[in-house]
Amino acid sequence: MNYVIDPVKTGTTFNGLTFQILLEETGGDIPLNITDYIISFHLFLKCNEVTKLEIGSGITITDAITGQFRLDPFLVTFNPDIYQYYIKTVSPSGESKIYIEGSWKIVKPLTC
């Protein structure tokens, strides 16, 4: 799934965002049970990783049975630009998959 995160101004707090992983094999209507999964968020600028969030360190599982997790709020300190991201899952058996990816625009605050 490709998802564009709403723009955020650098120097402000990103309010967090909840995602749900739905199985593509079933037409995207059945959630993936992420119990015991490793979930990580990777943010890139020009192919260089600028941050990584993980469960307990920027990611909170909100409902494992229905595949829901949240990027926790944090202060955005990235330079203004258009970033790319992906969210990686690793199953208890070790299978790694990217279900969600997209872009995120960080903008400069208006100054007078």
PDB file of N, CA and C in Angstrom:
ATOM      1  N   MET A   1       0.838  -1.174   0.000  1.00  0.00           N
ATOM      2  CA  MET A   1       0.000   0.000   0.000  1.00  0.00           C
ATOM      3  C   MET A   1       0.887   1.242   0.000  1.00  0.00           C
ATOM      4  N   ASN A   2       0.564   2.180  -0.843  1.00  0.00           N
ATOM      5  CA  ASN A   2       1.292   3.441  -0.889  1.00  0.00           C
ATOM      6  C   ASN A   2       0.465   4.496  -0.163  1.00  0.00           C
ATOM      7  N   TYR A   3       1.102   5.211   0.778  1.00  0.00           N
ATOM      8  CA  TYR A   3       0.389   6.195   1.577  1.00  0.00           C
ATOM      9  C   TYR A   3       1.256   7.440   1.736  1.00  0.00           C
ATOM     10  N   VAL A   4       0.691   8.602   1.423  1.00  0.00           N
ATOM     11  CA  VAL A   4       1.397   9.869   1.602  1.00  0.00           C
ATOM     12  C   VAL A   4       1.004  10.430   2.973  1.00  0.00           C
ATOM     13  N   ILE A   5       1.985  10.611   3.829  1.00  0.00           N
ATOM     14  CA  ILE A   5       1.747  11.200   5.151  1.00  0.00           C
ATOM     15  C   ILE A   5       1.573  12.701   4.965  1.00  0.00           C
ATOM     16  N   ASP A   6       0.605  13.283   5.675  1.00  0.00           N
ATOM     17  CA  ASP A   6       0.365  14.729   5.580  1.00  0.00           C
ATOM     18  C   ASP A   6       1.622  15.516   5.941  1.00  0.00           C
ATOM     19  N   PRO A   7       1.867  16.638   5.250  1.00  0.00           N
ATOM     20  CA  PRO A   7       3.050  17.457   5.544  1.00  0.00           C
ATOM     21  C   PRO A   7       3.089  17.939   6.996  1.00  0.00           C
ATOM     22  N   VAL A   8       4.306  18.077   7.503  1.00  0.00           N
ATOM     23  CA  VAL A   8       4.542  18.572   8.860  1.00  0.00           C
ATOM     24  C   VAL A   8       5.650  19.615   8.786  1.00  0.00           C
ATOM     25  N   LYS A   9       5.523  20.659   9.600  1.00  0.00           N
ATOM     26  CA  LYS A   9       6.558  21.695   9.648  1.00  0.00           C
ATOM     27  C   LYS A   9       7.693  21.253  10.556  1.00  0.00           C
ATOM     28  N   THR A  10       8.919  21.488  10.097  1.00  0.00           N
ATOM     29  CA  THR A  10      10.066  21.187  10.927  1.00  0.00           C
ATOM     30  C   THR A  10      10.014  22.072  12.171  1.00  0.00           C
ATOM     31  N   GLY A  11      10.413  21.522  13.307  1.00  0.00           N
ATOM     32  CA  GLY A  11      10.375  22.250  14.574  1.00  0.00           C
ATOM     33  C   GLY A  11       9.040  22.149  15.291  1.00  0.00           C
ATOM     34  N   THR A  12       8.088  21.374  14.716  1.00  0.00           N
ATOM     35  CA  THR A  12       6.793  21.174  15.360  1.00  0.00           C
ATOM     36  C   THR A  12       6.614  19.694  15.699  1.00  0.00           C
ATOM     37  N   THR A  13       5.575  19.399  16.453  1.00  0.00           N
ATOM     38  CA  THR A  13       5.323  18.025  16.858  1.00  0.00           C
ATOM     39  C   THR A  13       4.436  17.308  15.843  1.00  0.00           C
ATOM     40  N   PHE A  14       4.917  16.191  15.369  1.00  0.00           N
ATOM     41  CA  PHE A  14       4.115  15.268  14.555  1.00  0.00           C
ATOM     42  C   PHE A  14       3.169  14.589  15.533  1.00  0.00           C
ATOM     43  N   ASN A  15       1.875  14.625  15.261  1.00  0.00           N
ATOM     44  CA  ASN A  15       0.879  14.134  16.214  1.00  0.00           C
ATOM     45  C   ASN A  15       0.705  12.628  16.235  1.00  0.00           C
ATOM     46  N   GLY A  16       1.460  11.923  15.434  1.00  0.00           N
ATOM     47  CA  GLY A  16       1.329  10.471  15.378  1.00  0.00           C
ATOM     48  C   GLY A  16       0.354  10.074  14.289  1.00  0.00           C
ATOM     49  N   LEU A  17       0.363   8.794  13.966  1.00  0.00           N
ATOM     50  CA  LEU A  17      -0.485   8.291  12.887  1.00  0.00           C
ATOM     51  C   LEU A  17      -0.691   6.801  13.092  1.00  0.00           C
ATOM     52  N   THR A  18      -1.941   6.358  12.970  1.00  0.00           N
ATOM     53  CA  THR A  18      -2.260   4.943  13.110  1.00  0.00           C
ATOM     54  C   THR A  18      -2.353   4.287  11.737  1.00  0.00           C
ATOM     55  N   PHE A  19      -1.747   3.121  11.618  1.00  0.00           N
ATOM     56  CA  PHE A  19      -1.785   2.315  10.404  1.00  0.00           C
ATOM     57  C   PHE A  19      -2.451   0.984  10.720  1.00  0.00           C
ATOM     58  N   GLN A  20      -2.979   0.353   9.686  1.00  0.00           N
ATOM     59  CA  GLN A  20      -3.496  -1.008   9.787  1.00  0.00           C
ATOM     60  C   GLN A  20      -2.974  -1.792   8.596  1.00  0.00           C
ATOM     61  N   ILE A  21      -2.424  -2.958   8.880  1.00  0.00           N
ATOM     62  CA  ILE A  21      -1.924  -3.812   7.799  1.00  0.00           C
ATOM     63  C   ILE A  21      -3.023  -4.774   7.391  1.00  0.00           C
ATOM     64  N   LEU A  22      -3.395  -4.681   6.119  1.00  0.00           N
ATOM     65  CA  LEU A  22      -4.398  -5.566   5.540  1.00  0.00           C
ATOM     66  C   LEU A  22      -3.724  -6.461   4.517  1.00  0.00           C
ATOM     67  N   LEU A  23      -4.109  -7.722   4.492  1.00  0.00           N
ATOM     68  CA  LEU A  23      -3.483  -8.689   3.589  1.00  0.00           C
ATOM     69  C   LEU A  23      -3.874  -8.424   2.145  1.00  0.00           C
ATOM     70  N   GLU A  24      -2.882  -8.164   1.325  1.00  0.00           N
ATOM     71  CA  GLU A  24      -3.106  -7.900  -0.096  1.00  0.00           C
ATOM     72  C   GLU A  24      -3.641  -9.133  -0.811  1.00  0.00           C
ATOM     73  N   GLU A  25      -3.235 -10.302  -0.343  1.00  0.00           N
ATOM     74  CA  GLU A  25      -3.630 -11.555  -0.983  1.00  0.00           C
ATOM     75  C   GLU A  25      -5.147 -11.783  -0.919  1.00  0.00           C
ATOM     76  N   THR A  26      -5.815 -11.131   0.034  1.00  0.00           N
ATOM     77  CA  THR A  26      -7.264 -11.311   0.193  1.00  0.00           C
ATOM     78  C   THR A  26      -8.026 -10.099  -0.324  1.00  0.00           C
ATOM     79  N   GLY A  27      -7.369  -9.270  -1.116  1.00  0.00           N
ATOM     80  CA  GLY A  27      -8.025  -8.075  -1.631  1.00  0.00           C
ATOM     81  C   GLY A  27      -7.967  -6.909  -0.662  1.00  0.00           C
ATOM     82  N   GLY A  28      -7.148  -7.031   0.376  1.00  0.00           N
ATOM     83  CA  GLY A  28      -6.969  -5.940   1.327  1.00  0.00           C
ATOM     84  C   GLY A  28      -8.101  -5.783   2.313  1.00  0.00           C
ATOM     85  N   ASP A  29      -8.852  -6.869   2.553  1.00  0.00           N
ATOM     86  CA  ASP A  29      -9.979  -6.738   3.476  1.00  0.00           C
ATOM     87  C   ASP A  29      -9.828  -7.548   4.764  1.00  0.00           C
ATOM     88  N   ILE A  30      -8.758  -8.323   4.888  1.00  0.00           N
ATOM     89  CA  ILE A  30      -8.519  -9.095   6.108  1.00  0.00           C
ATOM     90  C   ILE A  30      -7.258  -8.569   6.774  1.00  0.00           C
ATOM     91  N   PRO A  31      -7.353  -8.174   8.060  1.00  0.00           N
ATOM     92  CA  PRO A  31      -6.175  -7.643   8.743  1.00  0.00           C
ATOM     93  C   PRO A  31      -5.159  -8.736   9.064  1.00  0.00           C
ATOM     94  N   LEU A  32      -3.896  -8.327   9.085  1.00  0.00           N
ATOM     95  CA  LEU A  32      -2.806  -9.213   9.476  1.00  0.00           C
ATOM     96  C   LEU A  32      -2.675  -9.181  10.996  1.00  0.00           C
ATOM     97  N   ASN A  33      -2.729 -10.328  11.632  1.00  0.00           N
ATOM     98  CA  ASN A  33      -2.503 -10.419  13.071  1.00  0.00           C
ATOM     99  C   ASN A  33      -1.004 -10.228  13.304  1.00  0.00           C
ATOM    100  N   ILE A  34      -0.620  -9.120  13.942  1.00  0.00           N
ATOM    101  CA  ILE A  34       0.802  -8.791  14.115  1.00  0.00           C
ATOM    102  C   ILE A  34       1.323  -9.146  15.512  1.00  0.00           C
ATOM    103  N   THR A  35       0.609 -10.035  16.197  1.00  0.00           N
ATOM    104  CA  THR A  35       1.091 -10.511  17.495  1.00  0.00           C
ATOM    105  C   THR A  35       2.480 -11.116  17.308  1.00  0.00           C
ATOM    106  N   ASP A  36       3.425 -10.700  18.127  1.00  0.00           N
ATOM    107  CA  ASP A  36       4.816 -11.173  18.108  1.00  0.00           C
ATOM    108  C   ASP A  36       5.598 -10.766  16.860  1.00  0.00           C
ATOM    109  N   TYR A  37       5.082  -9.838  16.073  1.00  0.00           N
ATOM    110  CA  TYR A  37       5.803  -9.320  14.917  1.00  0.00           C
ATOM    111  C   TYR A  37       6.771  -8.217  15.351  1.00  0.00           C
ATOM    112  N   ILE A  38       7.805  -8.022  14.583  1.00  0.00           N
ATOM    113  CA  ILE A  38       8.682  -6.865  14.709  1.00  0.00           C
ATOM    114  C   ILE A  38       8.215  -5.871  13.648  1.00  0.00           C
ATOM    115  N   ILE A  39       7.947  -4.630  14.052  1.00  0.00           N
ATOM    116  CA  ILE A  39       7.497  -3.591  13.137  1.00  0.00           C
ATOM    117  C   ILE A  39       8.521  -2.452  13.193  1.00  0.00           C
ATOM    118  N   SER A  40       8.943  -1.965  12.039  1.00  0.00           N
ATOM    119  CA  SER A  40       9.878  -0.837  12.023  1.00  0.00           C
ATOM    120  C   SER A  40       9.514   0.139  10.906  1.00  0.00           C
ATOM    121  N   PHE A  41       9.722   1.415  11.184  1.00  0.00           N
ATOM    122  CA  PHE A  41       9.467   2.516  10.252  1.00  0.00           C
ATOM    123  C   PHE A  41      10.821   3.083   9.854  1.00  0.00           C
ATOM    124  N   HIS A  42      11.091   3.153   8.560  1.00  0.00           N
ATOM    125  CA  HIS A  42      12.371   3.635   8.045  1.00  0.00           C
ATOM    126  C   HIS A  42      12.115   4.859   7.176  1.00  0.00           C
ATOM    127  N   LEU A  43      12.783   5.974   7.501  1.00  0.00           N
ATOM    128  CA  LEU A  43      12.618   7.228   6.765  1.00  0.00           C
ATOM    129  C   LEU A  43      13.915   7.558   6.048  1.00  0.00           C
ATOM    130  N   PHE A  44      13.798   7.877   4.748  1.00  0.00           N
ATOM    131  CA  PHE A  44      14.966   8.116   3.903  1.00  0.00           C
ATOM    132  C   PHE A  44      14.896   9.466   3.209  1.00  0.00           C
ATOM    133  N   LEU A  45      16.050  10.058   2.999  1.00  0.00           N
ATOM    134  CA  LEU A  45      16.196  11.237   2.160  1.00  0.00           C
ATOM    135  C   LEU A  45      17.307  10.927   1.167  1.00  0.00           C
ATOM    136  N   LYS A  46      16.955  10.922  -0.107  1.00  0.00           N
ATOM    137  CA  LYS A  46      17.921  10.632  -1.177  1.00  0.00           C
ATOM    138  C   LYS A  46      18.690   9.335  -0.904  1.00  0.00           C
ATOM    139  N   CYS A  47      17.940   8.296  -0.552  1.00  0.00           N
ATOM    140  CA  CYS A  47      18.456   6.941  -0.312  1.00  0.00           C
ATOM    141  C   CYS A  47      19.293   6.795   0.958  1.00  0.00           C
ATOM    142  N   ASN A  48      19.350   7.821   1.796  1.00  0.00           N
ATOM    143  CA  ASN A  48      20.060   7.731   3.066  1.00  0.00           C
ATOM    144  C   ASN A  48      19.038   7.674   4.201  1.00  0.00           C
ATOM    145  N   GLU A  49      19.131   6.639   5.033  1.00  0.00           N
ATOM    146  CA  GLU A  49      18.196   6.521   6.152  1.00  0.00           C
ATOM    147  C   GLU A  49      18.483   7.614   7.177  1.00  0.00           C
ATOM    148  N   VAL A  50      17.445   8.378   7.526  1.00  0.00           N
ATOM    149  CA  VAL A  50      17.620   9.470   8.489  1.00  0.00           C
ATOM    150  C   VAL A  50      17.036   9.133   9.858  1.00  0.00           C
ATOM    151  N   THR A  51      16.108   8.180   9.899  1.00  0.00           N
ATOM    152  CA  THR A  51      15.595   7.737  11.189  1.00  0.00           C
ATOM    153  C   THR A  51      14.955   6.373  11.050  1.00  0.00           C
ATOM    154  N   LYS A  52      14.909   5.669  12.167  1.00  0.00           N
ATOM    155  CA  LYS A  52      14.258   4.358  12.235  1.00  0.00           C
ATOM    156  C   LYS A  52      13.503   4.304  13.555  1.00  0.00           C
ATOM    157  N   LEU A  53      12.226   3.949  13.483  1.00  0.00           N
ATOM    158  CA  LEU A  53      11.407   3.778  14.675  1.00  0.00           C
ATOM    159  C   LEU A  53      11.051   2.304  14.806  1.00  0.00           C
ATOM    160  N   GLU A  54      10.967   1.819  16.051  1.00  0.00           N
ATOM    161  CA  GLU A  54      10.628   0.427  16.299  1.00  0.00           C
ATOM    162  C   GLU A  54       9.610   0.343  17.434  1.00  0.00           C
ATOM    163  N   ILE A  55       9.053  -0.831  17.634  1.00  0.00           N
ATOM    164  CA  ILE A  55       8.125  -1.033  18.746  1.00  0.00           C
ATOM    165  C   ILE A  55       8.838  -0.689  20.045  1.00  0.00           C
ATOM    166  N   GLY A  56       8.215   0.157  20.857  1.00  0.00           N
ATOM    167  CA  GLY A  56       8.813   0.581  22.126  1.00  0.00           C
ATOM    168  C   GLY A  56       9.727   1.776  21.985  1.00  0.00           C
ATOM    169  N   SER A  57      10.015   2.148  20.756  1.00  0.00           N
ATOM    170  CA  SER A  57      10.893   3.281  20.497  1.00  0.00           C
ATOM    171  C   SER A  57      10.350   4.069  19.307  1.00  0.00           C
ATOM    172  N   GLY A  58       9.097   4.560  19.469  1.00  0.00           N
ATOM    173  CA  GLY A  58       8.474   5.349  18.420  1.00  0.00           C
ATOM    174  C   GLY A  58       7.277   4.686  17.765  1.00  0.00           C
ATOM    175  N   ILE A  59       7.102   3.375  17.998  1.00  0.00           N
ATOM    176  CA  ILE A  59       5.946   2.644  17.479  1.00  0.00           C
ATOM    177  C   ILE A  59       5.251   1.943  18.634  1.00  0.00           C
ATOM    178  N   THR A  60       3.922   2.048  18.669  1.00  0.00           N
ATOM    179  CA  THR A  60       3.113   1.371  19.674  1.00  0.00           C
ATOM    180  C   THR A  60       2.093   0.492  18.966  1.00  0.00           C
ATOM    181  N   ILE A  61       2.017  -0.766  19.372  1.00  0.00           N
ATOM    182  CA  ILE A  61       0.977  -1.655  18.849  1.00  0.00           C
ATOM    183  C   ILE A  61      -0.322  -1.266  19.553  1.00  0.00           C
ATOM    184  N   THR A  62      -1.349  -0.922  18.787  1.00  0.00           N
ATOM    185  CA  THR A  62      -2.626  -0.518  19.382  1.00  0.00           C
ATOM    186  C   THR A  62      -3.647  -1.652  19.381  1.00  0.00           C
ATOM    187  N   ASP A  63      -3.577  -2.557  18.423  1.00  0.00           N
ATOM    188  CA  ASP A  63      -4.443  -3.735  18.378  1.00  0.00           C
ATOM    189  C   ASP A  63      -3.781  -4.767  17.471  1.00  0.00           C
ATOM    190  N   ALA A  64      -3.031  -5.678  18.077  1.00  0.00           N
ATOM    191  CA  ALA A  64      -2.262  -6.664  17.305  1.00  0.00           C
ATOM    192  C   ALA A  64      -3.158  -7.571  16.471  1.00  0.00           C
ATOM    193  N   ILE A  65      -4.300  -7.978  17.011  1.00  0.00           N
ATOM    194  CA  ILE A  65      -5.187  -8.908  16.307  1.00  0.00           C
ATOM    195  C   ILE A  65      -5.680  -8.313  14.988  1.00  0.00           C
ATOM    196  N   THR A  66      -5.968  -6.995  14.990  1.00  0.00           N
ATOM    197  CA  THR A  66      -6.472  -6.357  13.767  1.00  0.00           C
ATOM    198  C   THR A  66      -5.372  -5.622  12.996  1.00  0.00           C
ATOM    199  N   GLY A  67      -4.113  -5.889  13.340  1.00  0.00           N
ATOM    200  CA  GLY A  67      -2.994  -5.348  12.577  1.00  0.00           C
ATOM    201  C   GLY A  67      -2.769  -3.855  12.723  1.00  0.00           C
ATOM    202  N   GLN A  68      -3.191  -3.270  13.854  1.00  0.00           N
ATOM    203  CA  GLN A  68      -3.078  -1.817  14.020  1.00  0.00           C
ATOM    204  C   GLN A  68      -1.910  -1.431  14.929  1.00  0.00           C
ATOM    205  N   PHE A  69      -1.187  -0.411  14.474  1.00  0.00           N
ATOM    206  CA  PHE A  69      -0.083   0.157  15.251  1.00  0.00           C
ATOM    207  C   PHE A  69      -0.018   1.639  14.972  1.00  0.00           C
ATOM    208  N   ARG A  70       0.714   2.334  15.818  1.00  0.00           N
ATOM    209  CA  ARG A  70       0.769   3.788  15.742  1.00  0.00           C
ATOM    210  C   ARG A  70       2.208   4.268  15.737  1.00  0.00           C
ATOM    211  N   LEU A  71       2.483   5.246  14.858  1.00  0.00           N
ATOM    212  CA  LEU A  71       3.720   6.014  14.981  1.00  0.00           C
ATOM    213  C   LEU A  71       3.440   7.023  16.071  1.00  0.00           C
ATOM    214  N   ASP A  72       4.221   7.004  17.126  1.00  0.00           N
ATOM    215  CA  ASP A  72       3.995   7.887  18.264  1.00  0.00           C
ATOM    216  C   ASP A  72       4.357   9.334  17.920  1.00  0.00           C
ATOM    217  N   PRO A  73       3.745  10.301  18.621  1.00  0.00           N
ATOM    218  CA  PRO A  73       4.109  11.711  18.403  1.00  0.00           C
ATOM    219  C   PRO A  73       5.589  11.950  18.708  1.00  0.00           C
ATOM    220  N   PHE A  74       6.200  12.851  17.951  1.00  0.00           N
ATOM    221  CA  PHE A  74       7.586  13.253  18.214  1.00  0.00           C
ATOM    222  C   PHE A  74       7.843  14.616  17.586  1.00  0.00           C
ATOM    223  N   LEU A  75       8.888  15.274  18.081  1.00  0.00           N
ATOM    224  CA  LEU A  75       9.303  16.573  17.552  1.00  0.00           C
ATOM    225  C   LEU A  75      10.040  16.356  16.236  1.00  0.00           C
ATOM    226  N   VAL A  76       9.577  17.003  15.185  1.00  0.00           N
ATOM    227  CA  VAL A  76      10.183  16.864  13.856  1.00  0.00           C
ATOM    228  C   VAL A  76      11.371  17.817  13.753  1.00  0.00           C
ATOM    229  N   THR A  77      12.543  17.260  13.543  1.00  0.00           N
ATOM    230  CA  THR A  77      13.765  18.058  13.434  1.00  0.00           C
ATOM    231  C   THR A  77      14.442  17.881  12.074  1.00  0.00           C
ATOM    232  N   PHE A  78      13.776  17.198  11.152  1.00  0.00           N
ATOM    233  CA  PHE A  78      14.340  16.961   9.828  1.00  0.00           C
ATOM    234  C   PHE A  78      14.320  18.246   9.009  1.00  0.00           C
ATOM    235  N   ASN A  79      15.277  18.375   8.121  1.00  0.00           N
ATOM    236  CA  ASN A  79      15.313  19.521   7.218  1.00  0.00           C
ATOM    237  C   ASN A  79      14.136  19.442   6.235  1.00  0.00           C
ATOM    238  N   PRO A  80      13.624  20.600   5.820  1.00  0.00           N
ATOM    239  CA  PRO A  80      12.532  20.592   4.842  1.00  0.00           C
ATOM    240  C   PRO A  80      12.942  19.870   3.554  1.00  0.00           C
ATOM    241  N   ASP A  81      12.098  18.953   3.122  1.00  0.00           N
ATOM    242  CA  ASP A  81      12.343  18.194   1.892  1.00  0.00           C
ATOM    243  C   ASP A  81      11.224  17.167   1.757  1.00  0.00           C
ATOM    244  N   ILE A  82      11.277  16.381   0.709  1.00  0.00           N
ATOM    245  CA  ILE A  82      10.327  15.285   0.535  1.00  0.00           C
ATOM    246  C   ILE A  82      11.075  13.985   0.817  1.00  0.00           C
ATOM    247  N   TYR A  83      10.623  13.281   1.834  1.00  0.00           N
ATOM    248  CA  TYR A  83      11.243  12.048   2.301  1.00  0.00           C
ATOM    249  C   TYR A  83      10.439  10.842   1.810  1.00  0.00           C
ATOM    250  N   GLN A  84      11.101   9.714   1.731  1.00  0.00           N
ATOM    251  CA  GLN A  84      10.451   8.446   1.410  1.00  0.00           C
ATOM    252  C   GLN A  84      10.519   7.569   2.660  1.00  0.00           C
ATOM    253  N   TYR A  85       9.530   6.704   2.816  1.00  0.00           N
ATOM    254  CA  TYR A  85       9.530   5.805   3.971  1.00  0.00           C
ATOM    255  C   TYR A  85       8.974   4.446   3.573  1.00  0.00           C
ATOM    256  N   TYR A  86       9.283   3.469   4.404  1.00  0.00           N
ATOM    257  CA  TYR A  86       8.588   2.184   4.327  1.00  0.00           C
ATOM    258  C   TYR A  86       8.436   1.647   5.739  1.00  0.00           C
ATOM    259  N   ILE A  87       7.439   0.784   5.884  1.00  0.00           N
ATOM    260  CA  ILE A  87       7.196   0.124   7.165  1.00  0.00           C
ATOM    261  C   ILE A  87       7.425  -1.364   6.936  1.00  0.00           C
ATOM    262  N   LYS A  88       8.367  -1.909   7.677  1.00  0.00           N
ATOM    263  CA  LYS A  88       8.787  -3.296   7.506  1.00  0.00           C
ATOM    264  C   LYS A  88       8.230  -4.151   8.644  1.00  0.00           C
ATOM    265  N   THR A  89       7.764  -5.345   8.298  1.00  0.00           N
ATOM    266  CA  THR A  89       7.323  -6.299   9.306  1.00  0.00           C
ATOM    267  C   THR A  89       8.215  -7.529   9.230  1.00  0.00           C
ATOM    268  N   VAL A  90       8.458  -8.124  10.385  1.00  0.00           N
ATOM    269  CA  VAL A  90       9.156  -9.409  10.440  1.00  0.00           C
ATOM    270  C   VAL A  90       8.283 -10.330  11.290  1.00  0.00           C
ATOM    271  N   SER A  91       7.834 -11.428  10.684  1.00  0.00           N
ATOM    272  CA  SER A  91       6.944 -12.367  11.373  1.00  0.00           C
ATOM    273  C   SER A  91       7.726 -13.184  12.396  1.00  0.00           C
ATOM    274  N   PRO A  92       7.026 -13.858  13.304  1.00  0.00           N
ATOM    275  CA  PRO A  92       7.712 -14.722  14.268  1.00  0.00           C
ATOM    276  C   PRO A  92       8.567 -15.806  13.604  1.00  0.00           C
ATOM    277  N   SER A  93       8.227 -16.198  12.366  1.00  0.00           N
ATOM    278  CA  SER A  93       9.018 -17.215  11.661  1.00  0.00           C
ATOM    279  C   SER A  93      10.207 -16.607  10.903  1.00  0.00           C
ATOM    280  N   GLY A  94      10.315 -15.250  10.918  1.00  0.00           N
ATOM    281  CA  GLY A  94      11.443 -14.584  10.279  1.00  0.00           C
ATOM    282  C   GLY A  94      11.157 -14.028   8.899  1.00  0.00           C
ATOM    283  N   GLU A  95       9.927 -14.172   8.401  1.00  0.00           N
ATOM    284  CA  GLU A  95       9.578 -13.639   7.082  1.00  0.00           C
ATOM    285  C   GLU A  95       9.479 -12.118   7.151  1.00  0.00           C
ATOM    286  N   SER A  96      10.216 -11.454   6.277  1.00  0.00           N
ATOM    287  CA  SER A  96      10.261  -9.992   6.243  1.00  0.00           C
ATOM    288  C   SER A  96       9.442  -9.498   5.058  1.00  0.00           C
ATOM    289  N   LYS A  97       8.611  -8.462   5.295  1.00  0.00           N
ATOM    290  CA  LYS A  97       7.771  -7.940   4.225  1.00  0.00           C
ATOM    291  C   LYS A  97       7.517  -6.454   4.447  1.00  0.00           C
ATOM    292  N   ILE A  98       7.387  -5.724   3.336  1.00  0.00           N
ATOM    293  CA  ILE A  98       7.015  -4.309   3.379  1.00  0.00           C
ATOM    294  C   ILE A  98       5.588  -4.204   2.857  1.00  0.00           C
ATOM    295  N   TYR A  99       4.663  -3.820   3.747  1.00  0.00           N
ATOM    296  CA  TYR A  99       3.256  -3.676   3.374  1.00  0.00           C
ATOM    297  C   TYR A  99       2.899  -2.228   3.052  1.00  0.00           C
ATOM    298  N   ILE A 100       3.606  -1.282   3.681  1.00  0.00           N
ATOM    299  CA  ILE A 100       3.251   0.133   3.557  1.00  0.00           C
ATOM    300  C   ILE A 100       4.507   0.922   3.209  1.00  0.00           C
ATOM    301  N   GLU A 101       4.368   1.838   2.233  1.00  0.00           N
ATOM    302  CA  GLU A 101       5.461   2.724   1.870  1.00  0.00           C
ATOM    303  C   GLU A 101       4.873   3.991   1.290  1.00  0.00           C
ATOM    304  N   GLY A 102       5.698   5.025   1.210  1.00  0.00           N
ATOM    305  CA  GLY A 102       5.184   6.265   0.649  1.00  0.00           C
ATOM    306  C   GLY A 102       6.131   7.419   0.842  1.00  0.00           C
ATOM    307  N   SER A 103       5.555   8.613   0.841  1.00  0.00           N
ATOM    308  CA  SER A 103       6.364   9.828   0.978  1.00  0.00           C
ATOM    309  C   SER A 103       5.823  10.695   2.112  1.00  0.00           C
ATOM    310  N   TRP A 104       6.677  11.607   2.557  1.00  0.00           N
ATOM    311  CA  TRP A 104       6.328  12.503   3.649  1.00  0.00           C
ATOM    312  C   TRP A 104       7.058  13.823   3.418  1.00  0.00           C
ATOM    313  N   LYS A 105       6.302  14.886   3.257  1.00  0.00           N
ATOM    314  CA  LYS A 105       6.889  16.203   3.020  1.00  0.00           C
ATOM    315  C   LYS A 105       7.061  16.934   4.351  1.00  0.00           C
ATOM    316  N   ILE A 106       8.284  17.355   4.599  1.00  0.00           N
ATOM    317  CA  ILE A 106       8.597  18.190   5.761  1.00  0.00           C
ATOM    318  C   ILE A 106       8.788  19.597   5.218  1.00  0.00           C
ATOM    319  N   VAL A 107       8.063  20.548   5.779  1.00  0.00           N
ATOM    320  CA  VAL A 107       8.095  21.916   5.252  1.00  0.00           C
ATOM    321  C   VAL A 107       8.693  22.878   6.264  1.00  0.00           C
ATOM    322  N   LYS A 108       9.160  23.989   5.735  1.00  0.00           N
ATOM    323  CA  LYS A 108       9.744  25.046   6.559  1.00  0.00           C
ATOM    324  C   LYS A 108       8.615  25.876   7.156  1.00  0.00           C
ATOM    325  N   PRO A 109       8.699  26.214   8.463  1.00  0.00           N
ATOM    326  CA  PRO A 109       7.657  27.078   9.033  1.00  0.00           C
ATOM    327  C   PRO A 109       7.715  28.474   8.434  1.00  0.00           C
ATOM    328  N   LEU A 110       6.580  29.090   8.348  1.00  0.00           N
ATOM    329  CA  LEU A 110       6.490  30.456   7.836  1.00  0.00           C
ATOM    330  C   LEU A 110       7.159  31.405   8.823  1.00  0.00           C
ATOM    331  N   THR A 111       8.054  32.215   8.321  1.00  0.00           N
ATOM    332  CA  THR A 111       8.717  33.204   9.173  1.00  0.00           C
ATOM    333  C   THR A 111       8.538  34.577   8.561  1.00  0.00           C
ATOM    334  N   CYS A 112       8.538  35.586   9.410  1.00  0.00           N
ATOM    335  CA  CYS A 112       8.339  36.964   8.931  1.00  0.00           C
ATOM    336  C   CYS A 112       9.655  37.701   8.923  1.00  0.00           C
TER     337      CYS A 112
END
